[in-house]
């Protein structure tokens, strides 16, 4: 049953994801770009599930994998040190703990200026560690305090999500809908791509994201920026190297 979503809105954005134009993807092959993004997400998932924090280089891998969290690496290391961060990250990886307990393990390291970003960071990492169970949830996907975010772009007219359970239910409905349209993956990676893509396409991300301009003053294509926002740049480089050797 369609409880939350306006299907036509979902279809419009999904068709834009597959659009063959320079605004969407540089090489004009959105299906190949989607495939590479999904592969990069799998690489990030594997690394975050298996990573053990023994050194600052290990910790830096965590912060480098989250686009908006890199600036907090040095302040957090200076504030809590490698041992305490390692303990917090181990709790984040622990699927026997509740979702909120895992998030709190990271936000407990925070300070007022960083708290919201570190909460988003924790939620993003849980998504990548367990994409079959948890969707990507950051403030630009759904801000529960303001009722904003890209999930609201595809809700039925006048409908607002009122709590965490409704958000998770709406994303599950989106996952099922995208599966019918052809983006059929065995976890929530497809909804992540869709919702981040919707964000970078409909919001004036030029004023929100510190991205480099391409030659000629153009901004990166929508799918490229989607991958950037999800912290996939290091993993896409691995895939590009592997493809060049094949």
C-alpha atoms as a PDB file:
ATOM      1  CA  UNK A   1       0.000   0.000   0.000  1.00  0.00           C
ATOM      2  CA  UNK A   2       1.240   3.480  -0.889  1.00  0.00           C
ATOM      3  CA  UNK A   3       1.095   5.247   2.480  1.00  0.00           C
ATOM      4  CA  UNK A   4       3.708   7.984   2.176  1.00  0.00           C
ATOM      5  CA  UNK A   5       4.923   8.556  -1.380  1.00  0.00           C
ATOM      6  CA  UNK A   6       3.661  10.375  -4.432  1.00  0.00           C
ATOM      7  CA  UNK A   7       4.772   7.853  -7.049  1.00  0.00           C
ATOM      8  CA  UNK A   8       4.927  10.385  -9.886  1.00  0.00           C
ATOM      9  CA  UNK A   9       7.457  12.434  -7.902  1.00  0.00           C
ATOM     10  CA  UNK A  10       9.602   9.328  -7.388  1.00  0.00           C
ATOM     11  CA  UNK A  11       9.387   8.502 -11.092  1.00  0.00           C
ATOM     12  CA  UNK A  12      10.442  12.020 -12.136  1.00  0.00           C
ATOM     13  CA  UNK A  13      13.574  11.951  -9.982  1.00  0.00           C
ATOM     14  CA  UNK A  14      14.440   8.379 -10.959  1.00  0.00           C
ATOM     15  CA  UNK A  15      14.181   9.301 -14.632  1.00  0.00           C
ATOM     16  CA  UNK A  16      16.505  12.233 -13.948  1.00  0.00           C
ATOM     17  CA  UNK A  17      19.034   9.814 -12.371  1.00  0.00           C
ATOM     18  CA  UNK A  18      19.034   7.901 -15.660  1.00  0.00           C
ATOM     19  CA  UNK A  19      19.171  11.033 -17.807  1.00  0.00           C
ATOM     20  CA  UNK A  20      21.871  10.999 -20.468  1.00  0.00           C
ATOM     21  CA  UNK A  21      23.099  14.594 -20.321  1.00  0.00           C
ATOM     22  CA  UNK A  22      26.196  16.456 -19.155  1.00  0.00           C
ATOM     23  CA  UNK A  23      24.422  17.865 -16.104  1.00  0.00           C
ATOM     24  CA  UNK A  24      23.797  14.336 -14.853  1.00  0.00           C
ATOM     25  CA  UNK A  25      26.977  12.444 -15.701  1.00  0.00           C
ATOM     26  CA  UNK A  26      30.118  13.535 -17.516  1.00  0.00           C
ATOM     27  CA  UNK A  27      30.529  10.461 -19.734  1.00  0.00           C
ATOM     28  CA  UNK A  28      26.879  10.261 -20.681  1.00  0.00           C
ATOM     29  CA  UNK A  29      26.398   6.765 -19.306  1.00  0.00           C
ATOM     30  CA  UNK A  30      24.323   7.037 -16.123  1.00  0.00           C
ATOM     31  CA  UNK A  31      23.873   3.277 -15.763  1.00  0.00           C
ATOM     32  CA  UNK A  32      27.644   2.775 -15.680  1.00  0.00           C
ATOM     33  CA  UNK A  33      27.958   5.646 -13.196  1.00  0.00           C
ATOM     34  CA  UNK A  34      25.280   4.071 -10.981  1.00  0.00           C
ATOM     35  CA  UNK A  35      27.050   0.727 -11.163  1.00  0.00           C
ATOM     36  CA  UNK A  36      30.331   2.287 -10.055  1.00  0.00           C
ATOM     37  CA  UNK A  37      28.641   4.165  -7.220  1.00  0.00           C
ATOM     38  CA  UNK A  38      27.095   0.929  -5.954  1.00  0.00           C
ATOM     39  CA  UNK A  39      30.477  -0.821  -6.157  1.00  0.00           C
ATOM     40  CA  UNK A  40      32.097   2.035  -4.228  1.00  0.00           C
ATOM     41  CA  UNK A  41      29.373   1.807  -1.586  1.00  0.00           C
ATOM     42  CA  UNK A  42      30.111  -1.905  -1.166  1.00  0.00           C
ATOM     43  CA  UNK A  43      33.816  -1.123  -0.709  1.00  0.00           C
ATOM     44  CA  UNK A  44      33.047   1.533   1.889  1.00  0.00           C
ATOM     45  CA  UNK A  45      30.667  -0.857   3.644  1.00  0.00           C
ATOM     46  CA  UNK A  46      33.264  -3.606   3.857  1.00  0.00           C
ATOM     47  CA  UNK A  47      35.985  -1.293   5.117  1.00  0.00           C
ATOM     48  CA  UNK A  48      33.813   0.306   7.803  1.00  0.00           C
ATOM     49  CA  UNK A  49      32.554  -3.074   9.041  1.00  0.00           C
ATOM     50  CA  UNK A  50      36.033  -4.554   9.300  1.00  0.00           C
ATOM     51  CA  UNK A  51      38.149  -1.539  10.260  1.00  0.00           C
ATOM     52  CA  UNK A  52      39.949  -1.656  13.595  1.00  0.00           C
ATOM     53  CA  UNK A  53      41.200   1.620  15.020  1.00  0.00           C
ATOM     54  CA  UNK A  54      44.761   1.165  16.243  1.00  0.00           C
ATOM     55  CA  UNK A  55      46.451   4.264  14.862  1.00  0.00           C
ATOM     56  CA  UNK A  56      45.553   7.798  13.824  1.00  0.00           C
ATOM     57  CA  UNK A  57      45.818   6.659  10.186  1.00  0.00           C
ATOM     58  CA  UNK A  58      43.050   4.139  10.905  1.00  0.00           C
ATOM     59  CA  UNK A  59      40.907   6.857  12.477  1.00  0.00           C
ATOM     60  CA  UNK A  60      41.552   9.177   9.544  1.00  0.00           C
ATOM     61  CA  UNK A  61      40.041   6.567   7.212  1.00  0.00           C
ATOM     62  CA  UNK A  62      36.767   6.938   9.088  1.00  0.00           C
ATOM     63  CA  UNK A  63      36.690  10.719   8.852  1.00  0.00           C
ATOM     64  CA  UNK A  64      37.857  10.704   5.220  1.00  0.00           C
ATOM     65  CA  UNK A  65      34.966   8.417   4.312  1.00  0.00           C
ATOM     66  CA  UNK A  66      32.390  10.970   5.521  1.00  0.00           C
ATOM     67  CA  UNK A  67      32.399  14.057   3.302  1.00  0.00           C
ATOM     68  CA  UNK A  68      31.391  16.654   5.898  1.00  0.00           C
ATOM     69  CA  UNK A  69      33.296  15.128   8.857  1.00  0.00           C
ATOM     70  CA  UNK A  70      36.883  15.461   7.656  1.00  0.00           C
ATOM     71  CA  UNK A  71      37.314  18.832   9.336  1.00  0.00           C
ATOM     72  CA  UNK A  72      36.656  17.213  12.729  1.00  0.00           C
ATOM     73  CA  UNK A  73      39.486  14.696  12.580  1.00  0.00           C
ATOM     74  CA  UNK A  74      42.161  16.823  14.260  1.00  0.00           C
ATOM     75  CA  UNK A  75      39.833  18.410  16.868  1.00  0.00           C
ATOM     76  CA  UNK A  76      38.437  15.006  17.905  1.00  0.00           C
ATOM     77  CA  UNK A  77      41.876  13.394  18.083  1.00  0.00           C
ATOM     78  CA  UNK A  78      43.138  16.288  20.212  1.00  0.00           C
ATOM     79  CA  UNK A  79      40.027  16.186  22.378  1.00  0.00           C
ATOM     80  CA  UNK A  80      39.667  12.439  23.114  1.00  0.00           C
ATOM     81  CA  UNK A  81      42.724  10.649  21.692  1.00  0.00           C
ATOM     82  CA  UNK A  82      43.001   7.477  19.655  1.00  0.00           C
ATOM     83  CA  UNK A  83      42.104   5.038  22.447  1.00  0.00           C
ATOM     84  CA  UNK A  84      38.782   6.643  23.295  1.00  0.00           C
ATOM     85  CA  UNK A  85      37.860   7.058  19.645  1.00  0.00           C
ATOM     86  CA  UNK A  86      38.703   3.399  19.023  1.00  0.00           C
ATOM     87  CA  UNK A  87      36.356   2.348  21.836  1.00  0.00           C
ATOM     88  CA  UNK A  88      33.577   4.550  20.471  1.00  0.00           C
ATOM     89  CA  UNK A  89      34.017   3.213  16.942  1.00  0.00           C
ATOM     90  CA  UNK A  90      33.896  -0.374  18.209  1.00  0.00           C
ATOM     91  CA  UNK A  91      30.545   0.411  19.829  1.00  0.00           C
ATOM     92  CA  UNK A  92      29.362   1.925  16.561  1.00  0.00           C
ATOM     93  CA  UNK A  93      30.207  -1.381  14.849  1.00  0.00           C
ATOM     94  CA  UNK A  94      28.428  -3.450  17.515  1.00  0.00           C
ATOM     95  CA  UNK A  95      25.106  -4.627  16.060  1.00  0.00           C
ATOM     96  CA  UNK A  96      24.000  -5.991  19.455  1.00  0.00           C
ATOM     97  CA  UNK A  97      23.567  -2.426  20.699  1.00  0.00           C
ATOM     98  CA  UNK A  98      20.518  -0.339  19.836  1.00  0.00           C
ATOM     99  CA  UNK A  99      20.645   2.203  17.036  1.00  0.00           C
ATOM    100  CA  UNK A 100      20.566   5.106  19.505  1.00  0.00           C
ATOM    101  CA  UNK A 101      23.304   3.567  21.668  1.00  0.00           C
ATOM    102  CA  UNK A 102      25.557   3.256  18.642  1.00  0.00           C
ATOM    103  CA  UNK A 103      24.919   6.854  17.596  1.00  0.00           C
ATOM    104  CA  UNK A 104      25.567   8.067  21.135  1.00  0.00           C
ATOM    105  CA  UNK A 105      28.962   6.370  21.144  1.00  0.00           C
ATOM    106  CA  UNK A 106      30.126   8.921  18.565  1.00  0.00           C
ATOM    107  CA  UNK A 107      28.171  11.974  19.721  1.00  0.00           C
ATOM    108  CA  UNK A 108      29.593  11.486  23.232  1.00  0.00           C
ATOM    109  CA  UNK A 109      32.965  12.510  21.781  1.00  0.00           C
ATOM    110  CA  UNK A 110      31.555  15.730  20.464  1.00  0.00           C
ATOM    111  CA  UNK A 111      31.470  19.388  21.403  1.00  0.00           C
ATOM    112  CA  UNK A 112      28.628  21.850  20.704  1.00  0.00           C
ATOM    113  CA  UNK A 113      29.839  23.048  17.296  1.00  0.00           C
ATOM    114  CA  UNK A 114      30.287  19.486  16.010  1.00  0.00           C
ATOM    115  CA  UNK A 115      27.368  17.634  17.589  1.00  0.00           C
ATOM    116  CA  UNK A 116      24.939  17.690  14.645  1.00  0.00           C
ATOM    117  CA  UNK A 117      27.586  16.675  12.102  1.00  0.00           C
ATOM    118  CA  UNK A 118      28.882  13.867  14.293  1.00  0.00           C
ATOM    119  CA  UNK A 119      25.342  12.583  14.787  1.00  0.00           C
ATOM    120  CA  UNK A 120      24.936  12.522  11.006  1.00  0.00           C
ATOM    121  CA  UNK A 121      28.340  10.852  10.719  1.00  0.00           C
ATOM    122  CA  UNK A 122      27.327   8.093  13.134  1.00  0.00           C
ATOM    123  CA  UNK A 123      24.051   7.480  11.313  1.00  0.00           C
ATOM    124  CA  UNK A 124      25.807   7.416   7.943  1.00  0.00           C
ATOM    125  CA  UNK A 125      28.387   4.905   9.171  1.00  0.00           C
ATOM    126  CA  UNK A 126      25.705   2.639  10.662  1.00  0.00           C
ATOM    127  CA  UNK A 127      23.979   2.689   7.273  1.00  0.00           C
ATOM    128  CA  UNK A 128      27.161   1.612   5.532  1.00  0.00           C
ATOM    129  CA  UNK A 129      27.923  -1.025   8.158  1.00  0.00           C
ATOM    130  CA  UNK A 130      24.418  -2.518   7.947  1.00  0.00           C
ATOM    131  CA  UNK A 131      22.814  -1.308   4.698  1.00  0.00           C
ATOM    132  CA  UNK A 132      20.368  -4.200   4.734  1.00  0.00           C
ATOM    133  CA  UNK A 133      18.870  -2.930   8.018  1.00  0.00           C
ATOM    134  CA  UNK A 134      19.320   0.841   8.166  1.00  0.00           C
ATOM    135  CA  UNK A 135      18.792   3.538   5.517  1.00  0.00           C
ATOM    136  CA  UNK A 136      20.997   6.575   5.202  1.00  0.00           C
ATOM    137  CA  UNK A 137      19.732   9.302   7.529  1.00  0.00           C
ATOM    138  CA  UNK A 138      21.310  12.733   7.642  1.00  0.00           C
ATOM    139  CA  UNK A 139      19.782  16.163   8.136  1.00  0.00           C
ATOM    140  CA  UNK A 140      19.579  16.815   4.390  1.00  0.00           C
ATOM    141  CA  UNK A 141      17.680  13.555   3.909  1.00  0.00           C
ATOM    142  CA  UNK A 142      15.298  14.198   6.802  1.00  0.00           C
ATOM    143  CA  UNK A 143      15.602  16.846   9.486  1.00  0.00           C
ATOM    144  CA  UNK A 144      13.094  15.685  12.066  1.00  0.00           C
ATOM    145  CA  UNK A 145      13.181  19.015  13.920  1.00  0.00           C
ATOM    146  CA  UNK A 146      12.425  21.154  10.862  1.00  0.00           C
ATOM    147  CA  UNK A 147      10.496  18.653   8.761  1.00  0.00           C
ATOM    148  CA  UNK A 148      12.804  19.235   5.792  1.00  0.00           C
ATOM    149  CA  UNK A 149      15.105  17.101   3.648  1.00  0.00           C
ATOM    150  CA  UNK A 150      15.047  15.254   0.354  1.00  0.00           C
ATOM    151  CA  UNK A 151      12.576  12.593   1.516  1.00  0.00           C
ATOM    152  CA  UNK A 152       9.993  15.389   1.670  1.00  0.00           C
ATOM    153  CA  UNK A 153      10.367  15.934  -2.106  1.00  0.00           C
ATOM    154  CA  UNK A 154       8.529  12.674  -2.819  1.00  0.00           C
ATOM    155  CA  UNK A 155       5.916  12.650  -0.058  1.00  0.00           C
ATOM    156  CA  UNK A 156       2.225  12.996  -0.826  1.00  0.00           C
ATOM    157  CA  UNK A 157       0.950  16.572  -0.921  1.00  0.00           C
ATOM    158  CA  UNK A 158       0.526  17.942   2.599  1.00  0.00           C
ATOM    159  CA  UNK A 159       2.034  14.884   4.280  1.00  0.00           C
ATOM    160  CA  UNK A 160       4.683  15.387   6.950  1.00  0.00           C
ATOM    161  CA  UNK A 161       6.672  12.724   8.749  1.00  0.00           C
ATOM    162  CA  UNK A 162       6.177  13.036  12.474  1.00  0.00           C
ATOM    163  CA  UNK A 163       8.652  10.561  13.957  1.00  0.00           C
ATOM    164  CA  UNK A 164      11.589   8.245  13.330  1.00  0.00           C
ATOM    165  CA  UNK A 165       9.371   5.233  12.663  1.00  0.00           C
ATOM    166  CA  UNK A 166       7.477   7.046   9.917  1.00  0.00           C
ATOM    167  CA  UNK A 167      10.767   8.081   8.321  1.00  0.00           C
ATOM    168  CA  UNK A 168      12.034   4.499   8.245  1.00  0.00           C
ATOM    169  CA  UNK A 169       8.685   3.315   6.872  1.00  0.00           C
ATOM    170  CA  UNK A 170       8.723   5.954   4.122  1.00  0.00           C
ATOM    171  CA  UNK A 171      12.250   4.977   3.068  1.00  0.00           C
ATOM    172  CA  UNK A 172      11.266   1.304   2.997  1.00  0.00           C
ATOM    173  CA  UNK A 173       8.344   2.222   0.753  1.00  0.00           C
ATOM    174  CA  UNK A 174      10.771   4.155  -1.460  1.00  0.00           C
ATOM    175  CA  UNK A 175      13.052   1.106  -1.619  1.00  0.00           C
ATOM    176  CA  UNK A 176      10.152  -1.078  -2.768  1.00  0.00           C
ATOM    177  CA  UNK A 177       9.074   1.514  -5.349  1.00  0.00           C
ATOM    178  CA  UNK A 178      12.584   1.895  -6.792  1.00  0.00           C
ATOM    179  CA  UNK A 179      12.813  -1.886  -7.040  1.00  0.00           C
ATOM    180  CA  UNK A 180       9.736  -1.863  -9.280  1.00  0.00           C
ATOM    181  CA  UNK A 181      11.256   0.889 -11.407  1.00  0.00           C
ATOM    182  CA  UNK A 182      14.477  -1.119 -11.875  1.00  0.00           C
ATOM    183  CA  UNK A 183      16.823   0.045  -9.112  1.00  0.00           C
ATOM    184  CA  UNK A 184      16.614  -3.325  -7.398  1.00  0.00           C
ATOM    185  CA  UNK A 185      19.385  -3.842  -4.838  1.00  0.00           C
ATOM    186  CA  UNK A 186      19.284  -6.106  -1.741  1.00  0.00           C
ATOM    187  CA  UNK A 187      19.746  -3.248   0.729  1.00  0.00           C
ATOM    188  CA  UNK A 188      19.162   0.489   1.207  1.00  0.00           C
ATOM    189  CA  UNK A 189      21.985   1.643  -1.085  1.00  0.00           C
ATOM    190  CA  UNK A 190      19.502   2.422  -3.859  1.00  0.00           C
ATOM    191  CA  UNK A 191      17.472   4.746  -1.645  1.00  0.00           C
ATOM    192  CA  UNK A 192      20.692   6.456  -0.528  1.00  0.00           C
ATOM    193  CA  UNK A 193      21.653   7.249  -4.105  1.00  0.00           C
ATOM    194  CA  UNK A 194      18.142   8.429  -4.901  1.00  0.00           C
ATOM    195  CA  UNK A 195      17.764  10.683  -1.851  1.00  0.00           C
ATOM    196  CA  UNK A 196      21.233  12.223  -2.051  1.00  0.00           C
ATOM    197  CA  UNK A 197      20.774  12.724  -5.794  1.00  0.00           C
ATOM    198  CA  UNK A 198      17.470  14.480  -5.117  1.00  0.00           C
ATOM    199  CA  UNK A 199      19.265  16.711  -2.647  1.00  0.00           C
ATOM    200  CA  UNK A 200      22.087  17.763  -4.969  1.00  0.00           C
ATOM    201  CA  UNK A 201      19.731  18.198  -7.910  1.00  0.00           C
ATOM    202  CA  UNK A 202      17.005  20.291  -6.304  1.00  0.00           C
ATOM    203  CA  UNK A 203      18.986  22.272  -3.756  1.00  0.00           C
ATOM    204  CA  UNK A 204      21.439  24.949  -4.825  1.00  0.00           C
ATOM    205  CA  UNK A 205      24.377  22.815  -3.737  1.00  0.00           C
ATOM    206  CA  UNK A 206      26.826  25.315  -5.205  1.00  0.00           C
ATOM    207  CA  UNK A 207      26.211  27.427  -2.090  1.00  0.00           C
ATOM    208  CA  UNK A 208      26.270  24.487   0.325  1.00  0.00           C
ATOM    209  CA  UNK A 209      29.146  22.254  -0.741  1.00  0.00           C
ATOM    210  CA  UNK A 210      32.825  23.148  -1.047  1.00  0.00           C
ATOM    211  CA  UNK A 211      33.451  21.467  -4.391  1.00  0.00           C
ATOM    212  CA  UNK A 212      36.059  22.280  -7.000  1.00  0.00           C
ATOM    213  CA  UNK A 213      34.922  23.801 -10.271  1.00  0.00           C
ATOM    214  CA  UNK A 214      35.639  21.921 -13.450  1.00  0.00           C
ATOM    215  CA  UNK A 215      37.321  23.534 -16.457  1.00  0.00           C
ATOM    216  CA  UNK A 216      35.102  26.226 -17.893  1.00  0.00           C
ATOM    217  CA  UNK A 217      33.521  27.109 -14.578  1.00  0.00           C
ATOM    218  CA  UNK A 218      31.019  24.226 -14.523  1.00  0.00           C
ATOM    219  CA  UNK A 219      30.163  22.308 -11.376  1.00  0.00           C
ATOM    220  CA  UNK A 220      30.524  18.518 -11.186  1.00  0.00           C
ATOM    221  CA  UNK A 221      27.667  16.510 -12.651  1.00  0.00           C
ATOM    222  CA  UNK A 222      24.819  15.440 -10.388  1.00  0.00           C
ATOM    223  CA  UNK A 223      25.898  11.811 -10.100  1.00  0.00           C
ATOM    224  CA  UNK A 224      29.491  12.851  -9.416  1.00  0.00           C
ATOM    225  CA  UNK A 225      28.330  15.164  -6.656  1.00  0.00           C
ATOM    226  CA  UNK A 226      26.065  12.424  -5.275  1.00  0.00           C
ATOM    227  CA  UNK A 227      29.116  10.168  -4.939  1.00  0.00           C
ATOM    228  CA  UNK A 228      31.104  13.020  -3.380  1.00  0.00           C
ATOM    229  CA  UNK A 229      28.446  13.741  -0.750  1.00  0.00           C
ATOM    230  CA  UNK A 230      28.369  10.056   0.219  1.00  0.00           C
ATOM    231  CA  UNK A 231      32.132  10.050   0.804  1.00  0.00           C
ATOM    232  CA  UNK A 232      32.817   7.643  -2.056  1.00  0.00           C
ATOM    233  CA  UNK A 233      35.673   9.467  -3.775  1.00  0.00           C
ATOM    234  CA  UNK A 234      38.465   7.247  -2.286  1.00  0.00           C
ATOM    235  CA  UNK A 235      36.572   4.073  -3.224  1.00  0.00           C
ATOM    236  CA  UNK A 236      35.807   5.233  -6.763  1.00  0.00           C
ATOM    237  CA  UNK A 237      39.538   5.759  -7.251  1.00  0.00           C
ATOM    238  CA  UNK A 238      40.119   2.112  -6.273  1.00  0.00           C
ATOM    239  CA  UNK A 239      37.534   1.017  -8.841  1.00  0.00           C
ATOM    240  CA  UNK A 240      39.073   3.225 -11.548  1.00  0.00           C
ATOM    241  CA  UNK A 241      42.522   1.754 -10.902  1.00  0.00           C
ATOM    242  CA  UNK A 242      41.106  -1.780 -10.998  1.00  0.00           C
ATOM    243  CA  UNK A 243      39.299  -1.059 -14.282  1.00  0.00           C
ATOM    244  CA  UNK A 244      42.431   0.396 -15.835  1.00  0.00           C
ATOM    245  CA  UNK A 245      44.336  -2.815 -15.100  1.00  0.00           C
ATOM    246  CA  UNK A 246      41.630  -5.168 -16.368  1.00  0.00           C
END
